[in-house]
C-alpha atoms as a PDB file:
ATOM      1  CA  MET A   1       0.000   0.000   0.000  1.00  0.00           C
ATOM      2  CA  ASP A   2       1.150   3.528  -0.777  1.00  0.00           C
ATOM      3  CA  CYS A   3       1.601   6.136   1.945  1.00  0.00           C
ATOM      4  CA  PHE A   4      -0.406   9.343   1.656  1.00  0.00           C
ATOM      5  CA  HIS A   5      -0.547  12.623   3.532  1.00  0.00           C
ATOM      6  CA  LEU A   6      -3.869  14.440   3.190  1.00  0.00           C
ATOM      7  CA  PHE A   7      -4.261  18.132   3.986  1.00  0.00           C
ATOM      8  CA  PHE A   8      -7.907  19.075   4.436  1.00  0.00           C
ATOM      9  CA  CYS A   9      -8.971  22.707   4.700  1.00  0.00           C
ATOM     10  CA  THR A  10     -11.107  23.664   7.670  1.00  0.00           C
ATOM     11  CA  GLY A  11     -10.727  27.419   7.243  1.00  0.00           C
ATOM     12  CA  PRO A  12     -13.669  29.832   7.442  1.00  0.00           C
ATOM     13  CA  THR A  13     -14.643  29.744   3.767  1.00  0.00           C
ATOM     14  CA  CYS A  14     -14.367  25.962   3.398  1.00  0.00           C
ATOM     15  CA  SER A  15     -16.288  25.557   6.648  1.00  0.00           C
ATOM     16  CA  GLN A  16     -19.101  27.669   5.225  1.00  0.00           C
ATOM     17  CA  GLN A  17     -19.046  25.409   2.159  1.00  0.00           C
ATOM     18  CA  GLY A  18     -19.571  22.182   4.159  1.00  0.00           C
ATOM     19  CA  ALA A  19     -16.057  21.167   5.209  1.00  0.00           C
ATOM     20  CA  GLU A  20     -17.195  19.688   8.525  1.00  0.00           C
ATOM     21  CA  GLU A  21     -19.605  17.236   6.896  1.00  0.00           C
ATOM     22  CA  SER A  22     -17.066  16.326   4.214  1.00  0.00           C
ATOM     23  CA  LEU A  23     -14.356  15.818   6.812  1.00  0.00           C
ATOM     24  CA  HIS A  24     -16.573  13.462   8.830  1.00  0.00           C
ATOM     25  CA  ALA A  25     -17.297  11.419   5.681  1.00  0.00           C
ATOM     26  CA  LEU A  26     -13.569  11.303   4.877  1.00  0.00           C
ATOM     27  CA  GLN A  27     -12.650  10.197   8.397  1.00  0.00           C
ATOM     28  CA  GLN A  28     -15.364   7.529   8.371  1.00  0.00           C
ATOM     29  CA  GLY A  29     -14.176   6.221   5.009  1.00  0.00           C
ATOM     30  CA  LEU A  30     -10.600   6.027   6.300  1.00  0.00           C
ATOM     31  CA  ARG A  31     -11.744   4.142   9.402  1.00  0.00           C
ATOM     32  CA  GLU A  32     -13.915   1.704   7.431  1.00  0.00           C
ATOM     33  CA  ARG A  33     -10.972   0.835   5.170  1.00  0.00           C
ATOM     34  CA  GLY A  34      -8.532   0.631   8.075  1.00  0.00           C
ATOM     35  CA  LEU A  35      -6.494   3.449   6.576  1.00  0.00           C
ATOM     36  CA  ASP A  36      -6.634   5.709   9.628  1.00  0.00           C
ATOM     37  CA  HIS A  37      -3.858   3.685  11.281  1.00  0.00           C
ATOM     38  CA  ARG A  38      -2.062   2.438   8.192  1.00  0.00           C
ATOM     39  CA  GLY A  39      -0.382   4.443   5.467  1.00  0.00           C
ATOM     40  CA  VAL A  40      -2.577   7.556   5.555  1.00  0.00           C
ATOM     41  CA  ARG A  41      -2.029  10.698   7.622  1.00  0.00           C
ATOM     42  CA  LEU A  42      -4.778  13.322   7.735  1.00  0.00           C
ATOM     43  CA  THR A  43      -3.843  16.867   8.701  1.00  0.00           C
ATOM     44  CA  LEU A  44      -6.398  19.627   9.128  1.00  0.00           C
ATOM     45  CA  CYS A  45      -5.286  23.067   8.004  1.00  0.00           C
ATOM     46  CA  ARG A  46      -6.817  26.518   8.288  1.00  0.00           C
ATOM     47  CA  CYS A  47      -6.383  27.551   4.658  1.00  0.00           C
ATOM     48  CA  LEU A  48      -5.072  26.125   1.409  1.00  0.00           C
ATOM     49  CA  GLY A  49      -5.442  29.470  -0.351  1.00  0.00           C
ATOM     50  CA  GLN A  50      -8.158  28.304  -2.738  1.00  0.00           C
ATOM     51  CA  CYS A  51     -11.126  30.071  -1.160  1.00  0.00           C
ATOM     52  CA  GLY A  52     -14.279  29.871  -3.229  1.00  0.00           C
ATOM     53  CA  THR A  53     -13.680  26.331  -4.500  1.00  0.00           C
ATOM     54  CA  GLY A  54     -13.973  24.560  -1.158  1.00  0.00           C
ATOM     55  CA  PRO A  55     -13.963  22.365   0.644  1.00  0.00           C
ATOM     56  CA  ASN A  56     -10.420  21.783  -0.629  1.00  0.00           C
ATOM     57  CA  MET A  57      -7.813  19.136  -0.006  1.00  0.00           C
ATOM     58  CA  VAL A  58      -4.432  18.154  -1.374  1.00  0.00           C
ATOM     59  CA  ILE A  59      -2.883  14.703  -1.271  1.00  0.00           C
ATOM     60  CA  TYR A  60       0.856  14.125  -1.112  1.00  0.00           C
ATOM     61  CA  PRO A  61       3.298  12.796  -2.182  1.00  0.00           C
ATOM     62  CA  GLU A  62       1.958  13.421  -5.691  1.00  0.00           C
ATOM     63  CA  GLY A  63       0.358  16.793  -4.914  1.00  0.00           C
ATOM     64  CA  THR A  64      -3.125  16.034  -6.232  1.00  0.00           C
ATOM     65  CA  TRP A  65      -5.586  18.842  -5.498  1.00  0.00           C
ATOM     66  CA  TYR A  66      -9.309  18.309  -5.040  1.00  0.00           C
ATOM     67  CA  ALA A  67     -11.969  21.032  -4.832  1.00  0.00           C
ATOM     68  CA  GLN A  68     -15.645  21.104  -3.861  1.00  0.00           C
ATOM     69  CA  VAL A  69     -15.171  17.932  -1.846  1.00  0.00           C
ATOM     70  CA  ASP A  70     -18.622  17.077  -0.574  1.00  0.00           C
ATOM     71  CA  GLU A  71     -19.495  13.990   1.477  1.00  0.00           C
ATOM     72  CA  LYS A  72     -19.924  11.794  -1.600  1.00  0.00           C
ATOM     73  CA  GLY A  73     -16.661  13.098  -3.034  1.00  0.00           C
ATOM     74  CA  ALA A  74     -14.796  12.345   0.188  1.00  0.00           C
ATOM     75  CA  VAL A  75     -15.900   8.707   0.003  1.00  0.00           C
ATOM     76  CA  GLU A  76     -14.928   8.558  -3.695  1.00  0.00           C
ATOM     77  CA  ILE A  77     -11.472   9.906  -2.885  1.00  0.00           C
ATOM     78  CA  VAL A  78     -10.938   7.182  -0.286  1.00  0.00           C
ATOM     79  CA  GLU A  79     -12.058   4.448  -2.686  1.00  0.00           C
ATOM     80  CA  LYS A  80     -10.585   5.652  -5.993  1.00  0.00           C
ATOM     81  CA  HIS A  81      -7.485   7.574  -4.939  1.00  0.00           C
ATOM     82  CA  LEU A  82      -6.302   6.042  -1.675  1.00  0.00           C
ATOM     83  CA  VAL A  83      -7.379   2.446  -2.248  1.00  0.00           C
ATOM     84  CA  GLY A  84      -7.537   2.244  -6.058  1.00  0.00           C
ATOM     85  CA  ASN A  85      -4.545   4.501  -6.875  1.00  0.00           C
ATOM     86  CA  GLY A  86      -6.639   6.525  -9.335  1.00  0.00           C
ATOM     87  CA  VAL A  87      -8.093  10.018  -9.282  1.00  0.00           C
ATOM     88  CA  VAL A  88     -11.588  11.404  -8.911  1.00  0.00           C
ATOM     89  CA  SER A  89     -11.482  13.464 -12.098  1.00  0.00           C
ATOM     90  CA  ARG A  90     -14.685  15.421 -11.444  1.00  0.00           C
ATOM     91  CA  LEU A  91     -13.105  16.919  -8.303  1.00  0.00           C
ATOM     92  CA  LEU A  92      -9.584  17.540  -9.637  1.00  0.00           C
ATOM     93  CA  HIS A  93      -8.425  21.115  -9.192  1.00  0.00           C
ATOM     94  CA  GLN A  94      -5.545  23.126 -10.593  1.00  0.00           C
ATOM     95  CA  PRO A  95      -4.705  25.548  -7.767  1.00  0.00           C
ATOM     96  CA  LEU A  96      -4.383  29.219  -8.650  1.00  0.00           C
ATOM     97  CA  ASP A  97      -1.507  29.655  -6.245  1.00  0.00           C
ATOM     98  CA  PRO A  98      -0.265  26.283  -4.996  1.00  0.00           C
ATOM     99  CA  VAL A  99       1.086  26.126  -1.466  1.00  0.00           C
END
């Protein structure tokens, strides 16, 4: 299994756009797949600098950005990206000013 580091925005704008619900879905998906203790680190951050396209997250080591991550999208990211080593193309985002 690959190792991933997820940065999930919980800043004011992303929070207004549903970050809390998306984060809970992401955390649940990680737990259900046993990824929360194996190969995946989740870090909450206050801002990824992509306000207006949130909730946002970026996955390293490859630096894949996702935008408008709703609850369904969070589950898709766990299944397709973290487990299946693919991408969720409908949520892919090219950051305006990458961090």
